[in-house]
Amino acid sequence: MRQFSACIEWLFAREDDVFADRIRLAHRAGLDAVEFWRWTNKDLDAIAAAVAETGIAVSGLVAEPMIALTNPANKETWLQGLRESVVVARRLGAPVLIAQAGDDLPEFSRAEQRAALVAALSAGADILKGSGVRLGLEPLNTKIDHVGYYLSSTAEGLDIVDEVGRAEIGIVYDLYHSAVMDEKTEHVVGDRVDRIVHVHVADHRGRSDPGTGHIDLVDRLDWLFTHGYGGRVGLEYRPKTSDAEAVRAVVKSLGG
């Protein structure tokens, strides 16, 4: 059975505005993992208590601060934040931290920005070494949701990961962002499935419930799992409803 993770930034948000209670709602819906974005604006004690109470896993969270790794001046600040993020991830048992590249900065060439990314990620790998936590660099679409973002290409993200050349560093592969950029999973991932540390899903249009749009999510997930992906699939979508029945139906439709 495939394992799924509820992004509780969106899922169960309408049902409960107390963040930690969304963990309990995810558990009642039959999910065995949750994920979220920033940790610095959360009550970590309440989250840890809900995790301990339910036995649910935390599959991932964002490595803070969310600043542009494309700017070499941000490297040391980001690395200090990464150290703190690793402590939080280990406390919650999360195996993945998610990093975003940052904006495409006009004051630097693409080559300079890529070099800054590689340098930051390489130094970050030293911090992650032996922690049990991997970092996933996330390509995002620049057509709808993240105009001006540096990294819109999955293949380029994988190339950056390969340039870093450390097992601690991979990518978060978001099927929604990839499809919006007109990518075919088998073409952009190819034989580099092992570099994927986490997967996200949502449908297009609207970044909404899987099955409500036109992205071939089942086929893409089938390809990933057939070619060796064994991690969780993050349900990172804006739900029309995230009651237990609706979420269970999405999971079943995706092969859970």
Foldseek 3Di string as FASTA:
>chain_A
DAAAEEAQVAFCCVVDVQSLVVLVQCVVLPHQEYEYEDDVPHDLVSNLVSCVVRVGAYAEYAQDDQAALLDLVCQVVSLVSNLVVLVSCVSRVHQEYEHENFFDDPVDDLVSSLVSNLVSVLVSLVSCPPSNHAYAYEAAACPPDNPRGNHQALLVQQVSVVVSPHLRYAHEAEQASCVVVVHDLCVSCPLPLSRHSEYEYAAPDPSEQPPPHPRPQLVNVVVSVVNPDRDYYYHPGNYPHNRSVSVSVSVVVNPD
